[in-house]
Protein backbone atom coordinates (compact mmCIF):
# COMPACT_ATOMS: atom_id res chain seq x y z
CA MET A 1 59.42 -8.02 -41.58
CA VAL A 2 57.17 -6.60 -38.50
CA TYR A 3 59.75 -4.41 -38.03
CA SER A 4 60.43 -2.72 -41.43
CA LYS A 5 60.23 1.06 -41.36
CA THR A 6 59.60 1.75 -44.81
CA GLU A 7 57.37 -0.38 -47.91
CA SER A 8 60.97 -1.00 -49.68
CA GLU A 9 62.48 -2.60 -46.67
CA LEU A 10 59.35 -4.73 -46.27
CA ASN A 11 59.29 -5.87 -49.74
CA ASP A 12 63.46 -6.80 -50.03
CA ASN A 13 62.55 -8.73 -46.74
CA ALA A 14 59.59 -10.47 -48.48
CA GLN A 15 61.55 -11.19 -51.37
CA GLU A 16 64.41 -12.65 -49.12
CA LEU A 17 61.69 -15.15 -47.84
CA LYS A 18 60.58 -15.82 -50.98
CA THR A 19 63.88 -16.93 -52.07
CA LEU A 20 64.22 -19.33 -49.12
CA THR A 21 61.21 -20.82 -49.31
CA LEU A 22 61.21 -21.57 -53.11
CA ARG A 23 64.80 -22.63 -52.70
CA ASN A 24 63.72 -25.11 -49.81
CA GLU A 25 60.67 -26.54 -51.91
CA ARG A 26 58.28 -24.87 -49.33
CA GLU A 27 56.04 -22.92 -52.25
CA GLU A 28 53.13 -23.64 -50.13
CA LEU A 29 54.35 -21.64 -47.42
CA TRP A 30 55.42 -19.03 -49.55
CA SER A 31 51.76 -19.09 -51.26
CA TYR A 32 50.27 -18.96 -47.67
CA PHE A 33 52.19 -16.21 -46.49
CA ASP A 34 51.75 -13.90 -49.97
CA LYS A 35 47.67 -14.54 -49.61
CA ASN A 36 47.41 -14.27 -45.68
CA TRP A 37 49.69 -11.77 -44.84
CA MET A 38 51.05 -9.53 -47.43
CA ALA A 39 47.28 -8.70 -48.71
CA CYS A 40 46.93 -7.00 -45.15
CA GLN A 41 50.22 -5.69 -44.45
CA GLU A 42 49.19 -2.29 -43.55
CA MET A 43 47.69 -3.77 -40.31
CA TRP A 44 50.96 -5.47 -38.89
CA VAL A 45 53.81 -3.60 -40.58
CA ASP A 46 55.64 -0.73 -38.80
CA ALA A 47 56.21 1.11 -41.76
CA PHE A 48 52.35 1.61 -42.28
CA ARG A 49 51.32 1.70 -38.24
CA LEU A 50 53.85 4.69 -37.55
CA GLN A 51 51.51 7.34 -38.05
CA LEU A 52 48.45 5.52 -36.12
CA PRO A 53 47.57 6.73 -32.84
CA HIS A 54 49.10 4.43 -30.27
CA PHE A 55 48.68 6.15 -27.13
CA ARG A 56 52.20 5.54 -25.81
CA ASN A 57 51.60 1.67 -26.38
CA ASN A 58 52.64 -0.06 -29.24
CA THR A 59 51.78 -3.56 -28.31
CA ASN A 60 49.11 -5.30 -30.42
CA ASN A 61 47.16 -6.73 -27.36
CA ARG A 62 46.29 -3.68 -25.35
CA LEU A 63 44.60 -5.60 -22.71
CA GLU A 64 47.65 -7.97 -22.09
CA SER A 65 49.68 -4.45 -21.49
CA PHE A 66 46.99 -3.54 -18.95
CA PHE A 67 46.99 -6.67 -17.02
CA GLY A 68 50.80 -6.74 -17.25
CA LYS A 69 50.59 -3.33 -15.26
CA LEU A 70 48.04 -4.33 -13.00
CA LYS A 71 50.01 -7.25 -12.18
CA VAL A 72 52.85 -5.17 -10.74
CA ASP A 73 50.27 -4.07 -7.69
CA LEU A 74 48.79 -7.64 -7.42
CA ASP A 75 50.29 -11.24 -5.67
CA SER A 76 49.10 -14.57 -5.71
CA SER A 77 48.74 -14.57 -2.11
CA PHE A 78 46.03 -11.56 -1.76
CA SER A 79 42.91 -12.22 -0.65
CA MET A 80 39.58 -10.95 -2.77
CA VAL A 81 39.47 -7.78 -0.58
CA GLN A 82 43.16 -6.96 -1.20
CA CYS A 83 42.58 -7.41 -5.31
CA LEU A 84 39.99 -5.03 -5.37
CA SER A 85 41.48 -2.87 -2.80
CA ALA A 86 44.77 -2.93 -5.38
CA ILE A 87 42.51 -2.71 -8.52
CA LEU A 88 41.07 0.61 -7.17
CA ASN A 89 44.02 1.69 -5.82
CA PHE A 90 45.34 1.80 -9.99
CA GLN A 91 42.65 2.95 -10.97
CA ARG A 92 42.75 6.23 -8.43
CA ARG A 93 46.33 6.56 -9.69
CA LYS A 94 45.53 6.78 -13.56
CA GLU A 95 42.60 9.04 -12.72
CA ASP A 96 45.01 11.51 -10.65
CA ALA A 97 47.48 10.93 -13.39
CA TYR A 98 45.00 12.08 -15.89
CA ASN A 99 43.50 14.86 -13.86
CA MET A 100 47.30 16.30 -13.22
CA LYS A 101 47.89 16.02 -17.02
CA THR A 102 44.68 17.72 -18.46
CA LEU A 103 43.67 20.26 -15.52
CA ILE A 104 46.51 22.17 -14.21
CA PRO A 105 47.30 25.15 -15.43
CA GLY A 106 49.99 25.61 -17.70
CA SER A 107 49.77 22.37 -19.79
CA THR A 108 50.66 21.72 -22.92
CA ARG A 109 50.00 25.01 -25.40
CA ASN A 110 50.84 25.34 -29.10
CA ALA A 111 51.53 29.16 -30.43
CA ASN A 112 49.79 28.51 -33.54
CA TYR A 113 46.45 27.08 -31.72
CA GLY A 114 43.91 30.02 -30.67
CA GLU A 115 42.45 29.76 -27.06
CA GLU A 116 39.78 27.24 -28.35
CA MET A 117 42.64 24.80 -29.79
CA ASN A 118 44.78 24.91 -26.64
CA GLN A 119 41.69 24.01 -24.29
CA LEU A 120 41.23 20.69 -26.90
CA LEU A 121 45.30 20.10 -26.70
CA GLY A 122 45.07 20.54 -22.97
CA MET A 123 42.28 17.76 -22.24
CA THR A 124 43.77 15.35 -25.08
CA THR A 125 46.95 14.43 -26.95
CA GLU A 126 49.02 16.48 -29.41
CA TRP A 127 47.95 13.67 -32.21
CA VAL A 128 44.35 14.40 -31.44
CA ALA A 129 44.56 18.26 -31.57
CA ASP A 130 46.81 18.09 -34.89
CA VAL A 131 43.72 15.82 -36.33
CA PHE A 132 41.39 18.44 -35.43
CA PHE A 133 43.05 21.47 -36.13
CA GLU A 134 42.49 21.73 -39.95
CA GLU A 135 38.49 20.93 -39.58
CA TYR A 136 38.89 23.72 -36.86
CA GLN A 137 40.76 26.24 -39.27
CA PHE A 138 38.02 25.28 -41.88
CA ALA A 139 35.13 25.65 -39.48
CA THR A 140 36.61 29.23 -38.20
CA ASN A 141 37.39 30.60 -41.52
CA PRO A 142 35.08 33.52 -42.20
CA ASP A 143 35.35 32.84 -46.23
CA THR A 144 33.93 29.70 -45.50
CA MET A 145 31.16 30.62 -42.88
CA GLN A 146 29.31 32.94 -45.55
CA HIS A 147 28.56 29.79 -47.54
CA TYR A 148 26.73 28.34 -44.71
CA THR A 149 23.51 29.28 -43.06
CA PHE A 150 22.94 27.98 -39.46
CA ILE A 151 18.93 27.52 -38.47
CA GLU A 152 18.77 26.79 -34.40
CA THR A 153 16.12 25.84 -32.23
CA ASP A 154 15.75 24.97 -28.94
CA THR A 155 17.00 21.30 -29.63
CA MET A 156 18.85 21.41 -32.57
CA VAL A 157 20.84 22.84 -35.62
CA ASN A 158 20.27 23.06 -39.04
CA VAL A 159 23.30 23.67 -41.16
CA VAL A 160 22.46 24.55 -44.77
CA ARG A 161 24.31 25.07 -47.80
CA GLY A 162 22.61 25.17 -51.07
CA ASP A 163 20.48 22.39 -51.66
CA ARG A 164 22.11 20.23 -48.56
CA ARG A 165 21.10 20.08 -44.99
CA HIS A 166 23.06 18.58 -42.17
CA HIS A 167 21.09 18.30 -38.84
CA VAL A 168 22.77 18.57 -35.79
CA ASP A 169 21.03 17.28 -32.39
């Protein structure tokens, strides 16, 4: 059921589990599953998690995944100094990979984005840029801007529309 790609596939699998448990006189198993797992299916079924950001890591336990990658560089015979050196080298490689991805000219660009959105895309992922794009279009639309008043001081900005005021430090 975890790997169900659609809600109907999940329901079919759940119905099959229900049939099997009830046939074998295991009503308490089905009751437990229905109460505790079906109520929170968006947390564990792929069909509901496909659109979530997973940062190329679909595991539920990111820390275990990280340790698995780190253990490749470590050995049980290492001294404390060698372990620390391996960890720092791992961190340095991760930083270098991040810098290469975000700072090199000619990184990922989207023809539908303006310069500011492409700068954001260069520093983040496509998913993050897509999330911001709709808000960015709204915020930079001249028809939208005419309804707002911006009051700036040295340390803050107040955005006013009608009787509503939003304070930004």
